[in-house]
Amino acid sequence: MQNLSPRHVKTEESMRLGVVSGWYSTKVSGTFVSGPHDSEADCLRRIDEINPPPVKKKR
């Protein structure tokens, strides 16, 4: 299981990195996993698709 989090890359940083500005899902190391996404919500949905939350078992 990967620990992914949303990260917004602004125009200045996107030019430096050579990517399109927008929201990206990133690993703890900072590596981009997916993106760019139009919004943080879209990015979070993609993170849930890549790394679904654990299913809680009923007792």
Protein backbone atom coordinates (compact mmCIF):
# COMPACT_ATOMS: atom_id res chain seq x y z
CA MET A 1 0.00 0.00 0.00
CA GLN A 2 1.33 3.40 -0.97
CA ASN A 3 0.91 6.51 1.11
CA LEU A 4 -0.29 9.04 -1.49
CA SER A 5 -1.22 12.64 -0.92
CA PRO A 6 -2.49 15.50 -3.11
CA ARG A 7 -0.09 18.29 -4.05
CA HIS A 8 -0.76 21.48 -5.99
CA VAL A 9 1.97 22.52 -8.43
CA LYS A 10 1.78 26.23 -9.25
CA THR A 11 2.89 27.81 -12.53
CA GLU A 12 6.39 28.84 -11.39
CA GLU A 13 7.17 25.37 -10.06
CA SER A 14 5.59 23.66 -13.06
CA MET A 15 7.87 25.57 -15.42
CA ARG A 16 10.91 24.58 -13.35
CA LEU A 17 9.83 20.91 -13.24
CA GLY A 18 8.69 20.79 -16.86
CA VAL A 19 5.14 19.70 -16.03
CA VAL A 20 1.69 21.24 -16.40
CA SER A 21 0.42 23.11 -13.35
CA GLY A 22 -2.38 21.39 -11.44
CA TRP A 23 -3.01 18.83 -8.72
CA TYR A 24 -0.86 15.69 -8.57
CA SER A 25 -0.95 12.63 -6.35
CA THR A 26 2.50 12.13 -4.88
CA LYS A 27 4.38 9.54 -2.87
CA VAL A 28 6.01 10.49 0.44
CA SER A 29 9.28 10.86 -1.51
CA GLY A 30 7.67 13.56 -3.70
CA THR A 31 7.44 11.39 -6.81
CA PHE A 32 4.39 12.15 -8.96
CA VAL A 33 2.05 9.17 -9.35
CA SER A 34 -0.83 10.72 -11.32
CA GLY A 35 -1.92 14.07 -12.65
CA PRO A 36 -2.39 16.77 -13.44
CA HIS A 37 -5.93 16.88 -12.09
CA ASP A 38 -8.26 19.88 -12.35
CA SER A 39 -9.03 20.04 -8.64
CA GLU A 40 -7.99 18.63 -5.28
CA ALA A 41 -11.23 16.63 -5.20
CA ASP A 42 -10.40 15.00 -8.57
CA CYS A 43 -6.93 14.21 -7.27
CA LEU A 44 -8.32 12.64 -4.08
CA ARG A 45 -10.75 10.52 -6.13
CA ARG A 46 -7.81 9.21 -8.19
CA ILE A 47 -5.82 8.47 -5.03
CA ASP A 48 -8.78 6.41 -3.76
CA GLU A 49 -8.84 4.50 -7.08
CA ILE A 50 -5.11 3.78 -6.94
CA ASN A 51 -5.01 3.10 -3.22
CA PRO A 52 -8.48 2.22 -1.91
CA PRO A 53 -9.07 2.79 1.80
CA PRO A 54 -9.05 -0.41 3.89
CA VAL A 55 -12.39 -2.15 4.30
CA LYS A 56 -13.50 -2.26 7.92
CA LYS A 57 -14.76 -5.66 8.96
CA LYS A 58 -17.99 -5.87 10.91
CA ARG A 59 -17.96 -7.83 14.12
